[in-house]
Amino acid sequence: MHCPTCGNELTQVVTGGVTVDVCDGGCAGIWFDHFELQKFDEPDEDADALLLDIVRDETIHIDHDERRYCPKCEDIVMMRHFFSPKRDIQVDECPQCGGYWLDAGELATLRNQYGSEAERRQAAQEYFDEVFGNRLEEMRTQSEGELARARRIVRIFRLVCPSYYVPGKQEWGAF
């Protein structure tokens, strides 16, 4: 496989029983196949210096705005999105195979943000509440108001049209 950033040949490295591909001597990026990144994204998880201290060629310029192609699928453009609730780490993800490409230093930054998955989820919930909390509360209040109005209308119809006038509710009459 070739590096999606600089085009160098990726080197396979086995760490923690998982084989990942690194751009050793190039841009120092790391390719994680589907579900491999979750095995190394927390500080207490086993990530050797092989993943955290990859030799980087400083002459290689990394353009973060450039579209990158999946090194595994080759003709698929990866999607760039934020990987953490703090929104300071962007990773490239292949929509076809689910692999992740991390640029130099992003794994170390990711590992240092939160101590555990529970902390990450808590931060994500806090960010979600910050962004959407007020709007969701407005929608809930609005829905409760609409429900109360609908109940009032139902009570009015019960007074105007008791159940014995409702078709199918009685054995006698024209209905």
N, C-alpha and C. Protein backbone atom coordinates (compact mmCIF):
# COMPACT_ATOMS: atom_id res chain seq x y z
N MET A 1 0.85 -1.18 0.00
CA MET A 1 0.00 0.00 0.00
C MET A 1 0.88 1.24 0.00
N HIS A 2 0.34 2.28 -0.57
CA HIS A 2 1.07 3.54 -0.65
C HIS A 2 0.41 4.59 0.25
N CYS A 3 1.22 5.45 0.80
CA CYS A 3 0.76 6.52 1.68
C CYS A 3 -0.15 7.48 0.91
N PRO A 4 -1.33 7.80 1.46
CA PRO A 4 -2.23 8.73 0.77
C PRO A 4 -1.76 10.18 0.83
N THR A 5 -0.79 10.48 1.69
CA THR A 5 -0.31 11.84 1.84
C THR A 5 0.92 12.13 0.99
N CYS A 6 1.94 11.25 1.09
CA CYS A 6 3.19 11.52 0.39
C CYS A 6 3.54 10.50 -0.69
N GLY A 7 2.81 9.40 -0.77
CA GLY A 7 3.03 8.40 -1.81
C GLY A 7 4.08 7.35 -1.49
N ASN A 8 4.75 7.43 -0.34
CA ASN A 8 5.74 6.42 0.04
C ASN A 8 5.07 5.07 0.27
N GLU A 9 5.87 4.04 0.21
CA GLU A 9 5.38 2.69 0.50
C GLU A 9 5.17 2.59 2.02
N LEU A 10 4.01 2.09 2.44
CA LEU A 10 3.71 1.93 3.86
C LEU A 10 4.38 0.68 4.40
N THR A 11 4.88 0.76 5.62
CA THR A 11 5.56 -0.34 6.28
C THR A 11 4.62 -0.95 7.31
N GLN A 12 4.51 -2.27 7.33
CA GLN A 12 3.67 -2.93 8.31
C GLN A 12 4.40 -3.05 9.64
N VAL A 13 3.70 -2.71 10.72
CA VAL A 13 4.25 -2.77 12.06
C VAL A 13 3.26 -3.54 12.92
N VAL A 14 3.76 -4.51 13.68
CA VAL A 14 2.91 -5.27 14.58
C VAL A 14 3.11 -4.74 15.99
N THR A 15 2.04 -4.30 16.61
CA THR A 15 2.08 -3.80 17.97
C THR A 15 0.78 -4.17 18.67
N GLY A 16 0.89 -4.67 19.88
CA GLY A 16 -0.29 -5.07 20.62
C GLY A 16 -1.10 -6.15 19.92
N GLY A 17 -0.43 -6.98 19.11
CA GLY A 17 -1.12 -8.05 18.40
C GLY A 17 -1.89 -7.58 17.18
N VAL A 18 -1.71 -6.32 16.79
CA VAL A 18 -2.41 -5.74 15.65
C VAL A 18 -1.38 -5.26 14.63
N THR A 19 -1.64 -5.53 13.37
CA THR A 19 -0.75 -5.06 12.30
C THR A 19 -1.32 -3.77 11.72
N VAL A 20 -0.55 -2.70 11.83
CA VAL A 20 -0.93 -1.42 11.24
C VAL A 20 0.13 -1.03 10.22
N ASP A 21 -0.22 -0.11 9.35
CA ASP A 21 0.69 0.35 8.30
C ASP A 21 1.11 1.78 8.61
N VAL A 22 2.42 2.03 8.60
CA VAL A 22 2.94 3.35 8.91
C VAL A 22 3.79 3.86 7.75
N CYS A 23 3.84 5.17 7.64
CA CYS A 23 4.68 5.80 6.64
C CYS A 23 6.00 6.18 7.31
N ASP A 24 6.84 5.18 7.50
CA ASP A 24 8.12 5.35 8.19
C ASP A 24 9.12 6.01 7.24
N GLY A 25 9.68 7.12 7.68
CA GLY A 25 10.65 7.86 6.87
C GLY A 25 9.99 8.79 5.88
N GLY A 26 8.69 8.86 5.88
CA GLY A 26 7.94 9.77 5.00
C GLY A 26 7.23 10.81 5.84
N CYS A 27 5.91 10.86 5.70
CA CYS A 27 5.12 11.86 6.42
C CYS A 27 4.77 11.42 7.84
N ALA A 28 5.06 10.17 8.21
CA ALA A 28 4.83 9.60 9.55
C ALA A 28 3.36 9.40 9.86
N GLY A 29 2.55 9.22 8.85
CA GLY A 29 1.14 8.93 9.05
C GLY A 29 0.93 7.46 9.37
N ILE A 30 -0.27 7.13 9.86
CA ILE A 30 -0.58 5.75 10.25
C ILE A 30 -1.92 5.35 9.64
N TRP A 31 -1.99 4.15 9.08
CA TRP A 31 -3.22 3.58 8.54
C TRP A 31 -3.73 2.50 9.48
N PHE A 32 -4.96 2.70 9.95
CA PHE A 32 -5.63 1.72 10.79
C PHE A 32 -6.78 1.11 10.00
N ASP A 33 -6.80 -0.21 9.90
CA ASP A 33 -7.94 -0.88 9.28
C ASP A 33 -9.15 -0.73 10.20
N HIS A 34 -10.29 -1.16 9.71
CA HIS A 34 -11.56 -1.04 10.44
C HIS A 34 -11.43 -1.60 11.86
N PHE A 35 -11.82 -0.82 12.86
CA PHE A 35 -11.81 -1.15 14.29
C PHE A 35 -10.42 -1.25 14.92
N GLU A 36 -9.35 -0.98 14.21
CA GLU A 36 -8.02 -1.05 14.82
C GLU A 36 -7.70 0.20 15.64
N LEU A 37 -8.17 1.36 15.22
CA LEU A 37 -7.86 2.59 15.93
C LEU A 37 -8.41 2.56 17.36
N GLN A 38 -9.55 1.93 17.57
CA GLN A 38 -10.16 1.86 18.90
C GLN A 38 -9.29 1.05 19.88
N LYS A 39 -8.35 0.30 19.38
CA LYS A 39 -7.48 -0.48 20.25
C LYS A 39 -6.28 0.33 20.76
N PHE A 40 -6.07 1.54 20.21
CA PHE A 40 -4.90 2.34 20.57
C PHE A 40 -5.24 3.77 20.94
N ASP A 41 -6.50 4.16 20.99
CA ASP A 41 -6.85 5.57 21.16
C ASP A 41 -6.92 6.06 22.60
N GLU A 42 -6.66 5.21 23.58
CA GLU A 42 -6.66 5.63 24.98
C GLU A 42 -5.27 5.45 25.58
N PRO A 43 -4.91 6.28 26.56
CA PRO A 43 -3.56 6.22 27.13
C PRO A 43 -3.20 4.88 27.78
N ASP A 44 -4.19 4.17 28.31
CA ASP A 44 -3.88 2.92 28.99
C ASP A 44 -3.79 1.74 28.03
N GLU A 45 -4.09 1.96 26.77
CA GLU A 45 -4.02 0.88 25.79
C GLU A 45 -2.59 0.76 25.26
N ASP A 46 -2.25 -0.44 24.83
CA ASP A 46 -0.88 -0.77 24.45
C ASP A 46 -0.52 -0.23 23.08
N ALA A 47 0.21 0.88 23.06
CA ALA A 47 0.73 1.42 21.81
C ALA A 47 2.23 1.62 21.98
N ASP A 48 2.98 0.86 21.25
CA ASP A 48 4.43 0.94 21.35
C ASP A 48 4.94 2.27 20.81
N ALA A 49 6.19 2.52 21.08
CA ALA A 49 6.85 3.71 20.53
C ALA A 49 6.88 3.63 19.01
N LEU A 50 6.70 2.41 18.47
CA LEU A 50 6.65 2.26 17.02
C LEU A 50 5.54 3.10 16.40
N LEU A 51 4.45 3.30 17.12
CA LEU A 51 3.33 4.10 16.61
C LEU A 51 3.41 5.55 17.04
N LEU A 52 4.02 5.81 18.17
CA LEU A 52 4.03 7.17 18.70
C LEU A 52 5.25 7.97 18.27
N ASP A 53 6.33 7.30 17.87
CA ASP A 53 7.57 7.99 17.48
C ASP A 53 8.04 7.51 16.10
N ILE A 54 7.24 7.74 15.09
CA ILE A 54 7.59 7.33 13.73
C ILE A 54 8.54 8.36 13.13
N VAL A 55 9.57 7.88 12.46
CA VAL A 55 10.54 8.78 11.84
C VAL A 55 9.86 9.55 10.71
N ARG A 56 10.02 10.88 10.75
CA ARG A 56 9.37 11.74 9.76
C ARG A 56 10.40 12.52 8.97
N ASP A 57 10.17 12.59 7.68
CA ASP A 57 11.01 13.40 6.80
C ASP A 57 10.46 14.83 6.84
N GLU A 58 11.19 15.73 7.45
CA GLU A 58 10.72 17.11 7.65
C GLU A 58 10.59 17.89 6.34
N THR A 59 11.18 17.39 5.26
CA THR A 59 11.09 18.11 3.99
C THR A 59 9.74 17.88 3.30
N ILE A 60 8.99 16.91 3.75
CA ILE A 60 7.67 16.61 3.15
C ILE A 60 6.64 17.56 3.73
N HIS A 61 5.99 18.29 2.84
CA HIS A 61 4.93 19.23 3.24
C HIS A 61 3.59 18.49 3.20
N ILE A 62 2.83 18.59 4.29
CA ILE A 62 1.53 17.94 4.36
C ILE A 62 0.44 18.98 4.15
N ASP A 63 -0.33 18.81 3.08
CA ASP A 63 -1.45 19.70 2.77
C ASP A 63 -2.72 19.06 3.33
N HIS A 64 -3.23 19.59 4.44
CA HIS A 64 -4.40 19.01 5.10
C HIS A 64 -5.69 19.24 4.33
N ASP A 65 -5.69 20.16 3.38
CA ASP A 65 -6.89 20.43 2.59
C ASP A 65 -6.98 19.56 1.35
N GLU A 66 -5.91 18.87 1.02
CA GLU A 66 -5.88 18.02 -0.17
C GLU A 66 -6.73 16.76 0.04
N ARG A 67 -7.46 16.37 -0.99
CA ARG A 67 -8.24 15.14 -0.92
C ARG A 67 -7.30 13.95 -0.91
N ARG A 68 -7.63 12.98 -0.09
CA ARG A 68 -6.78 11.79 0.01
C ARG A 68 -7.57 10.56 -0.39
N TYR A 69 -6.86 9.68 -1.06
CA TYR A 69 -7.47 8.43 -1.49
C TYR A 69 -7.09 7.32 -0.52
N CYS A 70 -8.01 6.42 -0.28
CA CYS A 70 -7.79 5.31 0.63
C CYS A 70 -6.62 4.46 0.12
N PRO A 71 -5.65 4.15 0.98
CA PRO A 71 -4.53 3.33 0.53
C PRO A 71 -4.93 1.87 0.28
N LYS A 72 -6.04 1.47 0.84
CA LYS A 72 -6.50 0.09 0.67
C LYS A 72 -7.43 -0.04 -0.53
N CYS A 73 -8.36 0.90 -0.66
CA CYS A 73 -9.36 0.85 -1.75
C CYS A 73 -8.89 1.60 -2.99
N GLU A 74 -7.92 2.47 -2.88
CA GLU A 74 -7.24 3.22 -3.93
C GLU A 74 -8.09 4.20 -4.73
N ASP A 75 -9.28 3.84 -5.17
CA ASP A 75 -10.07 4.78 -5.98
C ASP A 75 -11.16 5.47 -5.17
N ILE A 76 -11.16 5.29 -3.86
CA ILE A 76 -12.17 5.89 -2.98
C ILE A 76 -11.55 7.08 -2.25
N VAL A 77 -12.20 8.24 -2.33
CA VAL A 77 -11.75 9.42 -1.62
C VAL A 77 -12.21 9.31 -0.17
N MET A 78 -11.28 9.53 0.75
CA MET A 78 -11.62 9.44 2.17
C MET A 78 -12.34 10.70 2.63
N MET A 79 -13.17 10.55 3.65
CA MET A 79 -13.90 11.67 4.24
C MET A 79 -13.10 12.20 5.42
N ARG A 80 -12.99 13.50 5.51
CA ARG A 80 -12.25 14.12 6.61
C ARG A 80 -13.28 14.63 7.61
N HIS A 81 -13.13 14.22 8.86
CA HIS A 81 -14.06 14.68 9.89
C HIS A 81 -13.37 14.73 11.25
N PHE A 82 -14.02 15.44 12.17
CA PHE A 82 -13.49 15.54 13.52
C PHE A 82 -13.67 14.19 14.21
N PHE A 83 -12.65 13.79 14.95
CA PHE A 83 -12.69 12.50 15.63
C PHE A 83 -12.94 12.65 17.12
N SER A 84 -12.79 13.85 17.64
CA SER A 84 -12.95 14.03 19.08
C SER A 84 -13.97 15.12 19.36
N PRO A 85 -14.62 15.06 20.52
CA PRO A 85 -15.59 16.09 20.89
C PRO A 85 -14.97 17.49 20.98
N LYS A 86 -13.67 17.57 21.26
CA LYS A 86 -13.01 18.87 21.33
C LYS A 86 -12.84 19.51 19.96
N ARG A 87 -13.05 18.72 18.92
CA ARG A 87 -12.98 19.18 17.53
C ARG A 87 -11.61 19.74 17.16
N ASP A 88 -10.55 19.15 17.69
CA ASP A 88 -9.22 19.62 17.33
C ASP A 88 -8.41 18.56 16.59
N ILE A 89 -8.98 17.38 16.40
CA ILE A 89 -8.30 16.34 15.63
C ILE A 89 -9.20 15.92 14.49
N GLN A 90 -8.69 16.05 13.27
CA GLN A 90 -9.42 15.60 12.10
C GLN A 90 -8.72 14.37 11.55
N VAL A 91 -9.51 13.35 11.24
CA VAL A 91 -8.96 12.13 10.65
C VAL A 91 -9.63 11.90 9.31
N ASP A 92 -8.97 11.10 8.50
CA ASP A 92 -9.54 10.71 7.21
C ASP A 92 -10.08 9.30 7.37
N GLU A 93 -11.33 9.09 6.95
CA GLU A 93 -11.96 7.78 7.07
C GLU A 93 -12.45 7.33 5.70
N CYS A 94 -12.19 6.08 5.37
CA CYS A 94 -12.65 5.53 4.11
C CYS A 94 -14.11 5.10 4.27
N PRO A 95 -15.00 5.61 3.43
CA PRO A 95 -16.42 5.23 3.55
C PRO A 95 -16.68 3.79 3.09
N GLN A 96 -15.74 3.19 2.40
CA GLN A 96 -15.95 1.83 1.91
C GLN A 96 -15.44 0.78 2.89
N CYS A 97 -14.19 0.87 3.32
CA CYS A 97 -13.62 -0.16 4.18
C CYS A 97 -13.62 0.21 5.66
N GLY A 98 -13.88 1.48 5.99
CA GLY A 98 -13.94 1.91 7.39
C GLY A 98 -12.59 2.14 8.04
N GLY A 99 -11.51 2.18 7.26
CA GLY A 99 -10.19 2.43 7.80
C GLY A 99 -9.97 3.90 8.09
N TYR A 100 -8.97 4.19 8.94
CA TYR A 100 -8.65 5.56 9.33
C TYR A 100 -7.21 5.88 8.98
N TRP A 101 -6.99 7.10 8.49
CA TRP A 101 -5.64 7.62 8.26
C TRP A 101 -5.42 8.76 9.24
N LEU A 102 -4.35 8.64 10.05
CA LEU A 102 -3.98 9.69 10.98
C LEU A 102 -2.65 10.27 10.55
N ASP A 103 -2.58 11.59 10.52
CA ASP A 103 -1.34 12.26 10.18
C ASP A 103 -0.38 12.20 11.37
N ALA A 104 0.84 12.63 11.14
CA ALA A 104 1.89 12.59 12.18
C ALA A 104 1.43 13.31 13.44
N GLY A 105 1.57 12.65 14.57
CA GLY A 105 1.26 13.25 15.86
C GLY A 105 -0.19 13.18 16.28
N GLU A 106 -1.08 12.84 15.38
CA GLU A 106 -2.50 12.84 15.72
C GLU A 106 -2.86 11.72 16.70
N LEU A 107 -2.21 10.58 16.61
CA LEU A 107 -2.48 9.49 17.54
C LEU A 107 -2.08 9.89 18.96
N ALA A 108 -0.93 10.51 19.12
CA ALA A 108 -0.48 10.95 20.45
C ALA A 108 -1.43 11.99 21.02
N THR A 109 -1.86 12.92 20.20
CA THR A 109 -2.81 13.95 20.64
C THR A 109 -4.12 13.32 21.05
N LEU A 110 -4.59 12.39 20.25
CA LEU A 110 -5.85 11.69 20.54
C LEU A 110 -5.76 10.93 21.86
N ARG A 111 -4.66 10.26 22.07
CA ARG A 111 -4.48 9.47 23.29
C ARG A 111 -4.40 10.36 24.54
N ASN A 112 -3.91 11.58 24.41
CA ASN A 112 -3.74 12.47 25.56
C ASN A 112 -4.99 13.27 25.91
N GLN A 113 -6.01 13.23 25.08
CA GLN A 113 -7.20 14.04 25.35
C GLN A 113 -8.04 13.50 26.50
N TYR A 114 -8.27 12.19 26.53
CA TYR A 114 -9.15 11.60 27.53
C TYR A 114 -8.50 10.34 28.10
N GLY A 115 -8.78 10.07 29.36
CA GLY A 115 -8.22 8.90 30.00
C GLY A 115 -8.95 7.62 29.69
N SER A 116 -10.23 7.74 29.31
CA SER A 116 -11.01 6.53 29.05
C SER A 116 -12.14 6.85 28.08
N GLU A 117 -12.79 5.79 27.62
CA GLU A 117 -13.94 5.94 26.72
C GLU A 117 -15.09 6.64 27.44
N ALA A 118 -15.24 6.39 28.74
CA ALA A 118 -16.30 7.05 29.52
C ALA A 118 -16.10 8.57 29.55
N GLU A 119 -14.86 9.02 29.72
CA GLU A 119 -14.57 10.45 29.68
C GLU A 119 -14.86 11.04 28.31
N ARG A 120 -14.53 10.30 27.27
CA ARG A 120 -14.79 10.76 25.90
C ARG A 120 -16.31 10.90 25.67
N ARG A 121 -17.07 9.91 26.12
CA ARG A 121 -18.54 9.98 25.97
C ARG A 121 -19.13 11.14 26.75
N GLN A 122 -18.61 11.37 27.96
CA GLN A 122 -19.09 12.48 28.78
C GLN A 122 -18.82 13.81 28.08
N ALA A 123 -17.63 13.97 27.52
CA ALA A 123 -17.30 15.19 26.80
C ALA A 123 -18.19 15.35 25.57
N ALA A 124 -18.46 14.26 24.87
CA ALA A 124 -19.34 14.32 23.70
C ALA A 124 -20.75 14.73 24.11
N GLN A 125 -21.24 14.19 25.24
CA GLN A 125 -22.58 14.55 25.72
C GLN A 125 -22.64 16.03 26.11
N GLU A 126 -21.59 16.51 26.77
CA GLU A 126 -21.54 17.93 27.14
C GLU A 126 -21.52 18.82 25.90
N TYR A 127 -20.76 18.44 24.89
CA TYR A 127 -20.71 19.22 23.66
C TYR A 127 -22.07 19.19 22.96
N PHE A 128 -22.71 18.02 22.92
CA PHE A 128 -24.03 17.90 22.30
C PHE A 128 -25.04 18.79 23.03
N ASP A 129 -25.01 18.78 24.37
CA ASP A 129 -25.92 19.62 25.14
C ASP A 129 -25.66 21.10 24.89
N GLU A 130 -24.38 21.45 24.76
CA GLU A 130 -24.02 22.84 24.50
C GLU A 130 -24.55 23.30 23.15
N VAL A 131 -24.44 22.45 22.15
CA VAL A 131 -24.85 22.83 20.81
C VAL A 131 -26.36 22.73 20.60
N PHE A 132 -26.95 21.63 21.07
CA PHE A 132 -28.35 21.36 20.77
C PHE A 132 -29.29 21.45 21.97
N GLY A 133 -28.76 21.58 23.18
CA GLY A 133 -29.58 21.52 24.39
C GLY A 133 -30.72 22.51 24.42
N ASN A 134 -30.46 23.78 24.14
CA ASN A 134 -31.52 24.80 24.18
C ASN A 134 -32.59 24.53 23.13
N ARG A 135 -32.17 24.16 21.95
CA ARG A 135 -33.14 23.90 20.87
C ARG A 135 -33.99 22.68 21.20
N LEU A 136 -33.40 21.64 21.75
CA LEU A 136 -34.17 20.46 22.12
C LEU A 136 -35.17 20.78 23.23
N GLU A 137 -34.77 21.62 24.17
CA GLU A 137 -35.68 22.02 25.25
C GLU A 137 -36.85 22.83 24.67
N GLU A 138 -36.57 23.72 23.73
CA GLU A 138 -37.64 24.48 23.06
C GLU A 138 -38.60 23.55 22.33
N MET A 139 -38.05 22.55 21.64
CA MET A 139 -38.90 21.61 20.91
C MET A 139 -39.75 20.78 21.88
N ARG A 140 -39.18 20.37 23.01
CA ARG A 140 -39.92 19.60 24.00
C ARG A 140 -41.05 20.44 24.58
N THR A 141 -40.76 21.70 24.92
CA THR A 141 -41.78 22.60 25.45
C THR A 141 -42.88 22.83 24.42
N GLN A 142 -42.49 23.03 23.17
CA GLN A 142 -43.46 23.24 22.10
C GLN A 142 -44.33 21.99 21.92
N SER A 143 -43.73 20.82 21.97
CA SER A 143 -44.49 19.57 21.82
C SER A 143 -45.46 19.38 22.98
N GLU A 144 -45.02 19.71 24.18
CA GLU A 144 -45.91 19.60 25.33
C GLU A 144 -47.09 20.57 25.20
N GLY A 145 -46.84 21.78 24.69
CA GLY A 145 -47.91 22.75 24.46
C GLY A 145 -48.90 22.24 23.43
N GLU A 146 -48.39 21.68 22.34
CA GLU A 146 -49.28 21.13 21.30
C GLU A 146 -50.08 19.96 21.83
N LEU A 147 -49.50 19.12 22.66
CA LEU A 147 -50.20 18.00 23.26
C LEU A 147 -51.31 18.49 24.19
N ALA A 148 -51.02 19.51 24.98
CA ALA A 148 -52.04 20.07 25.87
C ALA A 148 -53.20 20.64 25.07
N ARG A 149 -52.93 21.34 23.95
CA ARG A 149 -54.00 21.87 23.09
C ARG A 149 -54.83 20.74 22.48
N ALA A 150 -54.17 19.69 22.06
CA ALA A 150 -54.90 18.55 21.48
C ALA A 150 -55.80 17.90 22.52
N ARG A 151 -55.35 17.79 23.76
CA ARG A 151 -56.18 17.21 24.82
C ARG A 151 -57.39 18.08 25.12
N ARG A 152 -57.21 19.40 25.08
CA ARG A 152 -58.36 20.30 25.29
C ARG A 152 -59.40 20.11 24.19
N ILE A 153 -58.94 19.98 22.96
CA ILE A 153 -59.86 19.77 21.83
C ILE A 153 -60.60 18.45 22.00
N VAL A 154 -59.93 17.41 22.43
CA VAL A 154 -60.57 16.12 22.65
C VAL A 154 -61.64 16.24 23.73
N ARG A 155 -61.36 16.97 24.84
CA ARG A 155 -62.35 17.16 25.90
C ARG A 155 -63.57 17.91 25.39
N ILE A 156 -63.34 18.92 24.54
CA ILE A 156 -64.47 19.68 23.98
C ILE A 156 -65.35 18.76 23.13
N PHE A 157 -64.73 17.92 22.31
CA PHE A 157 -65.51 17.01 21.48
C PHE A 157 -66.25 15.97 22.32
N ARG A 158 -65.70 15.59 23.45
CA ARG A 158 -66.41 14.65 24.33
C ARG A 158 -67.66 15.30 24.91
N LEU A 159 -67.58 16.60 25.21
CA LEU A 159 -68.76 17.30 25.71
C LEU A 159 -69.82 17.47 24.62
N VAL A 160 -69.36 17.86 23.43
CA VAL A 160 -70.27 18.11 22.32
C VAL A 160 -70.84 16.82 21.76
N CYS A 161 -70.03 15.80 21.68
CA CYS A 161 -70.43 14.54 21.05
C CYS A 161 -70.10 13.38 21.98
N PRO A 162 -70.99 13.08 22.96
CA PRO A 162 -70.73 11.95 23.86
C PRO A 162 -70.57 10.66 23.07
N SER A 163 -69.99 9.67 23.71
CA SER A 163 -69.64 8.44 23.02
C SER A 163 -70.86 7.71 22.47
N TYR A 164 -72.05 7.91 23.02
CA TYR A 164 -73.20 7.20 22.48
C TYR A 164 -73.67 7.79 21.16
N TYR A 165 -73.14 8.96 20.76
CA TYR A 165 -73.43 9.51 19.44
C TYR A 165 -72.36 9.17 18.40
N VAL A 166 -71.30 8.56 18.84
CA VAL A 166 -70.21 8.23 17.93
C VAL A 166 -70.56 6.96 17.17
N PRO A 167 -70.49 6.94 15.84
CA PRO A 167 -70.85 5.75 15.06
C PRO A 167 -70.09 4.52 15.53
N GLY A 168 -70.84 3.41 15.68
CA GLY A 168 -70.23 2.15 16.06
C GLY A 168 -70.12 1.96 17.55
N LYS A 169 -70.49 2.97 18.36
CA LYS A 169 -70.37 2.87 19.82
C LYS A 169 -71.70 2.47 20.49
N GLN A 170 -72.77 2.40 19.76
CA GLN A 170 -74.04 2.03 20.34
C GLN A 170 -74.73 0.99 19.46
N GLU A 171 -75.69 0.27 20.08
CA GLU A 171 -76.41 -0.75 19.33
C GLU A 171 -77.68 -0.18 18.71
N TRP A 172 -78.13 0.94 19.10
CA TRP A 172 -79.37 1.53 18.61
C TRP A 172 -79.05 2.75 17.75
N GLY A 173 -80.00 3.29 17.13
CA GLY A 173 -79.88 4.54 16.38
C GLY A 173 -79.56 4.35 14.92
N ALA A 174 -79.44 5.47 14.25
CA ALA A 174 -79.23 5.48 12.80
C ALA A 174 -77.80 5.20 12.41
N PHE A 175 -76.91 5.24 13.31
CA PHE A 175 -75.50 5.04 12.98
C PHE A 175 -75.20 3.59 12.95
